[in-house]
Amino acid sequence: MFVSRRGARLCVASSEQLAAMVRLGRLRLHREEDAFYSAMQSVVDLLDRPSTAA
């Protein structure tokens, strides 16, 4: 599943469908290691924020 930065669902596909999208040039692989780390760090930062609800 791929979602936008706001969490809206953009695409749900099986591994076979993703492979077909790559073959058709509709999807490109992002191999930079920093992307996963950056996403996980954003989640950790969000969870570490103090809650504003009391």
PDB file of N, CA and C in Angstrom:
ATOM      1  N   MET A   1       0.853  -1.170   0.000  1.00  0.00           N
ATOM      2  CA  MET A   1       0.000   0.000   0.000  1.00  0.00           C
ATOM      3  C   MET A   1       0.895   1.228   0.000  1.00  0.00           C
ATOM      4  N   PHE A   2       0.539   2.177  -0.820  1.00  0.00           N
ATOM      5  CA  PHE A   2       1.237   3.453  -0.872  1.00  0.00           C
ATOM      6  C   PHE A   2       0.250   4.527  -0.446  1.00  0.00           C
ATOM      7  N   VAL A   3       0.716   5.440   0.404  1.00  0.00           N
ATOM      8  CA  VAL A   3      -0.136   6.523   0.876  1.00  0.00           C
ATOM      9  C   VAL A   3       0.567   7.847   0.667  1.00  0.00           C
ATOM     10  N   SER A   4      -0.221   8.915   0.631  1.00  0.00           N
ATOM     11  CA  SER A   4       0.340  10.260   0.513  1.00  0.00           C
ATOM     12  C   SER A   4       0.881  10.681   1.870  1.00  0.00           C
ATOM     13  N   ARG A   5       1.502  11.818   1.920  1.00  0.00           N
ATOM     14  CA  ARG A   5       2.034  12.330   3.189  1.00  0.00           C
ATOM     15  C   ARG A   5       0.932  12.550   4.214  1.00  0.00           C
ATOM     16  N   ARG A   6      -0.281  12.757   3.763  1.00  0.00           N
ATOM     17  CA  ARG A   6      -1.415  12.965   4.677  1.00  0.00           C
ATOM     18  C   ARG A   6      -2.143  11.674   5.017  1.00  0.00           C
ATOM     19  N   GLY A   7      -1.653  10.554   4.492  1.00  0.00           N
ATOM     20  CA  GLY A   7      -2.251   9.267   4.819  1.00  0.00           C
ATOM     21  C   GLY A   7      -3.344   8.803   3.875  1.00  0.00           C
ATOM     22  N   ALA A   8      -3.594   9.549   2.805  1.00  0.00           N
ATOM     23  CA  ALA A   8      -4.610   9.137   1.832  1.00  0.00           C
ATOM     24  C   ALA A   8      -4.068   7.976   0.997  1.00  0.00           C
ATOM     25  N   ARG A   9      -4.859   6.934   0.829  1.00  0.00           N
ATOM     26  CA  ARG A   9      -4.438   5.761   0.070  1.00  0.00           C
ATOM     27  C   ARG A   9      -4.285   6.110  -1.405  1.00  0.00           C
ATOM     28  N   LEU A  10      -3.126   5.806  -1.952  1.00  0.00           N
ATOM     29  CA  LEU A  10      -2.863   6.074  -3.360  1.00  0.00           C
ATOM     30  C   LEU A  10      -2.918   4.811  -4.203  1.00  0.00           C
ATOM     31  N   CYS A  11      -2.431   3.689  -3.649  1.00  0.00           N
ATOM     32  CA  CYS A  11      -2.352   2.467  -4.430  1.00  0.00           C
ATOM     33  C   CYS A  11      -2.224   1.271  -3.506  1.00  0.00           C
ATOM     34  N   VAL A  12      -2.954   0.209  -3.820  1.00  0.00           N
ATOM     35  CA  VAL A  12      -2.807  -1.079  -3.145  1.00  0.00           C
ATOM     36  C   VAL A  12      -2.544  -2.085  -4.249  1.00  0.00           C
ATOM     37  N   ALA A  13      -1.401  -2.788  -4.162  1.00  0.00           N
ATOM     38  CA  ALA A  13      -1.042  -3.717  -5.235  1.00  0.00           C
ATOM     39  C   ALA A  13      -0.282  -4.911  -4.676  1.00  0.00           C
ATOM     40  N   SER A  14      -0.434  -6.042  -5.345  1.00  0.00           N
ATOM     41  CA  SER A  14       0.319  -7.247  -4.985  1.00  0.00           C
ATOM     42  C   SER A  14       1.736  -7.111  -5.532  1.00  0.00           C
ATOM     43  N   SER A  15       2.606  -8.020  -5.129  1.00  0.00           N
ATOM     44  CA  SER A  15       3.981  -7.989  -5.641  1.00  0.00           C
ATOM     45  C   SER A  15       4.003  -8.211  -7.154  1.00  0.00           C
ATOM     46  N   GLU A  16       3.099  -9.051  -7.667  1.00  0.00           N
ATOM     47  CA  GLU A  16       3.020  -9.285  -9.105  1.00  0.00           C
ATOM     48  C   GLU A  16       2.580  -8.013  -9.836  1.00  0.00           C
ATOM     49  N   GLN A  17       1.613  -7.309  -9.270  1.00  0.00           N
ATOM     50  CA  GLN A  17       1.153  -6.059  -9.871  1.00  0.00           C
ATOM     51  C   GLN A  17       2.251  -4.998  -9.847  1.00  0.00           C
ATOM     52  N   LEU A  18       3.002  -4.938  -8.750  1.00  0.00           N
ATOM     53  CA  LEU A  18       4.110  -3.980  -8.678  1.00  0.00           C
ATOM     54  C   LEU A  18       5.169  -4.294  -9.730  1.00  0.00           C
ATOM     55  N   ALA A  19       5.485  -5.579  -9.909  1.00  0.00           N
ATOM     56  CA  ALA A  19       6.458  -5.977 -10.926  1.00  0.00           C
ATOM     57  C   ALA A  19       5.983  -5.569 -12.320  1.00  0.00           C
ATOM     58  N   ALA A  20       4.695  -5.741 -12.592  1.00  0.00           N
ATOM     59  CA  ALA A  20       4.142  -5.344 -13.894  1.00  0.00           C
ATOM     60  C   ALA A  20       4.242  -3.832 -14.074  1.00  0.00           C
ATOM     61  N   MET A  21       3.972  -3.067 -13.023  1.00  0.00           N
ATOM     62  CA  MET A  21       4.079  -1.608 -13.102  1.00  0.00           C
ATOM     63  C   MET A  21       5.509  -1.176 -13.407  1.00  0.00           C
ATOM     64  N   VAL A  22       6.483  -1.867 -12.804  1.00  0.00           N
ATOM     65  CA  VAL A  22       7.888  -1.558 -13.080  1.00  0.00           C
ATOM     66  C   VAL A  22       8.195  -1.841 -14.550  1.00  0.00           C
ATOM     67  N   ARG A  23       7.761  -3.006 -15.051  1.00  0.00           N
ATOM     68  CA  ARG A  23       8.005  -3.353 -16.461  1.00  0.00           C
ATOM     69  C   ARG A  23       7.380  -2.337 -17.416  1.00  0.00           C
ATOM     70  N   LEU A  24       6.212  -1.801 -17.057  1.00  0.00           N
ATOM     71  CA  LEU A  24       5.521  -0.834 -17.913  1.00  0.00           C
ATOM     72  C   LEU A  24       6.033   0.587 -17.727  1.00  0.00           C
ATOM     73  N   GLY A  25       6.956   0.782 -16.792  1.00  0.00           N
ATOM     74  CA  GLY A  25       7.500   2.116 -16.552  1.00  0.00           C
ATOM     75  C   GLY A  25       6.586   3.003 -15.732  1.00  0.00           C
ATOM     76  N   ARG A  26       5.602   2.422 -15.065  1.00  0.00           N
ATOM     77  CA  ARG A  26       4.658   3.199 -14.265  1.00  0.00           C
ATOM     78  C   ARG A  26       5.121   3.354 -12.822  1.00  0.00           C
ATOM     79  N   LEU A  27       6.188   2.639 -12.471  1.00  0.00           N
ATOM     80  CA  LEU A  27       6.704   2.654 -11.109  1.00  0.00           C
ATOM     81  C   LEU A  27       8.209   2.515 -11.189  1.00  0.00           C
ATOM     82  N   ARG A  28       8.912   3.298 -10.407  1.00  0.00           N
ATOM     83  CA  ARG A  28      10.356   3.116 -10.372  1.00  0.00           C
ATOM     84  C   ARG A  28      10.784   2.834  -8.947  1.00  0.00           C
ATOM     85  N   LEU A  29      11.810   2.014  -8.834  1.00  0.00           N
ATOM     86  CA  LEU A  29      12.315   1.634  -7.535  1.00  0.00           C
ATOM     87  C   LEU A  29      13.170   2.755  -6.957  1.00  0.00           C
ATOM     88  N   HIS A  30      13.011   2.983  -5.680  1.00  0.00           N
ATOM     89  CA  HIS A  30      13.817   3.982  -4.983  1.00  0.00           C
ATOM     90  C   HIS A  30      14.761   3.211  -4.075  1.00  0.00           C
ATOM     91  N   ARG A  31      16.032   3.187  -4.401  1.00  0.00           N
ATOM     92  CA  ARG A  31      16.986   2.352  -3.688  1.00  0.00           C
ATOM     93  C   ARG A  31      17.800   3.113  -2.655  1.00  0.00           C
ATOM     94  N   GLU A  32      17.557   4.361  -2.465  1.00  0.00           N
ATOM     95  CA  GLU A  32      18.334   5.137  -1.509  1.00  0.00           C
ATOM     96  C   GLU A  32      17.987   4.709  -0.082  1.00  0.00           C
ATOM     97  N   GLU A  33      18.967   4.325   0.687  1.00  0.00           N
ATOM     98  CA  GLU A  33      18.735   3.802   2.030  1.00  0.00           C
ATOM     99  C   GLU A  33      18.125   4.833   2.969  1.00  0.00           C
ATOM    100  N   ASP A  34      18.332   6.090   2.723  1.00  0.00           N
ATOM    101  CA  ASP A  34      17.858   7.124   3.633  1.00  0.00           C
ATOM    102  C   ASP A  34      16.338   7.256   3.665  1.00  0.00           C
ATOM    103  N   ALA A  35      15.645   6.821   2.632  1.00  0.00           N
ATOM    104  CA  ALA A  35      14.193   7.004   2.579  1.00  0.00           C
ATOM    105  C   ALA A  35      13.503   6.253   3.714  1.00  0.00           C
ATOM    106  N   PHE A  36      13.860   5.000   3.947  1.00  0.00           N
ATOM    107  CA  PHE A  36      13.244   4.224   5.018  1.00  0.00           C
ATOM    108  C   PHE A  36      13.600   4.806   6.377  1.00  0.00           C
ATOM    109  N   TYR A  37      14.864   5.143   6.572  1.00  0.00           N
ATOM    110  CA  TYR A  37      15.295   5.722   7.843  1.00  0.00           C
ATOM    111  C   TYR A  37      14.542   7.024   8.112  1.00  0.00           C
ATOM    112  N   SER A  38      14.414   7.847   7.104  1.00  0.00           N
ATOM    113  CA  SER A  38      13.719   9.124   7.255  1.00  0.00           C
ATOM    114  C   SER A  38      12.260   8.915   7.641  1.00  0.00           C
ATOM    115  N   ALA A  39      11.602   7.946   7.009  1.00  0.00           N
ATOM    116  CA  ALA A  39      10.197   7.662   7.324  1.00  0.00           C
ATOM    117  C   ALA A  39      10.060   7.171   8.761  1.00  0.00           C
ATOM    118  N   MET A  40      10.927   6.269   9.164  1.00  0.00           N
ATOM    119  CA  MET A  40      10.860   5.735  10.532  1.00  0.00           C
ATOM    120  C   MET A  40      11.192   6.813  11.565  1.00  0.00           C
ATOM    121  N   GLN A  41      12.133   7.689  11.253  1.00  0.00           N
ATOM    122  CA  GLN A  41      12.472   8.771  12.176  1.00  0.00           C
ATOM    123  C   GLN A  41      11.293   9.719  12.345  1.00  0.00           C
ATOM    124  N   SER A  42      10.541   9.963  11.277  1.00  0.00           N
ATOM    125  CA  SER A  42       9.349  10.816  11.371  1.00  0.00           C
ATOM    126  C   SER A  42       8.316  10.203  12.306  1.00  0.00           C
ATOM    127  N   VAL A  43       8.146   8.895  12.242  1.00  0.00           N
ATOM    128  CA  VAL A  43       7.205   8.206  13.132  1.00  0.00           C
ATOM    129  C   VAL A  43       7.664   8.334  14.578  1.00  0.00           C
ATOM    130  N   VAL A  44       8.945   8.089  14.828  1.00  0.00           N
ATOM    131  CA  VAL A  44       9.493   8.192  16.187  1.00  0.00           C
ATOM    132  C   VAL A  44       9.331   9.610  16.716  1.00  0.00           C
ATOM    133  N   ASP A  45       9.633  10.596  15.887  1.00  0.00           N
ATOM    134  CA  ASP A  45       9.490  11.993  16.310  1.00  0.00           C
ATOM    135  C   ASP A  45       8.046  12.314  16.669  1.00  0.00           C
ATOM    136  N   LEU A  46       7.120  11.813  15.893  1.00  0.00           N
ATOM    137  CA  LEU A  46       5.704  12.050  16.152  1.00  0.00           C
ATOM    138  C   LEU A  46       5.284  11.406  17.472  1.00  0.00           C
ATOM    139  N   LEU A  47       5.752  10.201  17.730  1.00  0.00           N
ATOM    140  CA  LEU A  47       5.404   9.510  18.957  1.00  0.00           C
ATOM    141  C   LEU A  47       6.059  10.139  20.185  1.00  0.00           C
ATOM    142  N   ASP A  48       7.205  10.788  19.999  1.00  0.00           N
ATOM    143  CA  ASP A  48       7.916  11.412  21.123  1.00  0.00           C
ATOM    144  C   ASP A  48       7.337  12.769  21.518  1.00  0.00           C
ATOM    145  N   ARG A  49       6.487  13.337  20.665  1.00  0.00           N
ATOM    146  CA  ARG A  49       5.901  14.647  20.986  1.00  0.00           C
ATOM    147  C   ARG A  49       4.997  14.544  22.211  1.00  0.00           C
ATOM    148  N   PRO A  50       5.060  15.538  23.083  1.00  0.00           N
ATOM    149  CA  PRO A  50       4.124  15.526  24.220  1.00  0.00           C
ATOM    150  C   PRO A  50       2.688  15.685  23.729  1.00  0.00           C
ATOM    151  N   SER A  51       1.794  14.975  24.338  1.00  0.00           N
ATOM    152  CA  SER A  51       0.382  15.047  23.960  1.00  0.00           C
ATOM    153  C   SER A  51      -0.183  16.391  24.392  1.00  0.00           C
ATOM    154  N   THR A  52      -0.995  17.006  23.511  1.00  0.00           N
ATOM    155  CA  THR A  52      -1.627  18.279  23.853  1.00  0.00           C
ATOM    156  C   THR A  52      -2.991  18.063  24.473  1.00  0.00           C
ATOM    157  N   ALA A  53      -3.526  16.845  24.368  1.00  0.00           N
ATOM    158  CA  ALA A  53      -4.826  16.547  24.981  1.00  0.00           C
ATOM    159  C   ALA A  53      -4.627  16.221  26.465  1.00  0.00           C
ATOM    160  N   ALA A  54      -5.496  16.777  27.308  1.00  0.00           N
ATOM    161  CA  ALA A  54      -5.356  16.524  28.735  1.00  0.00           C
ATOM    162  C   ALA A  54      -6.566  15.816  29.280  1.00  0.00           C
TER     163      ALA A  54
END
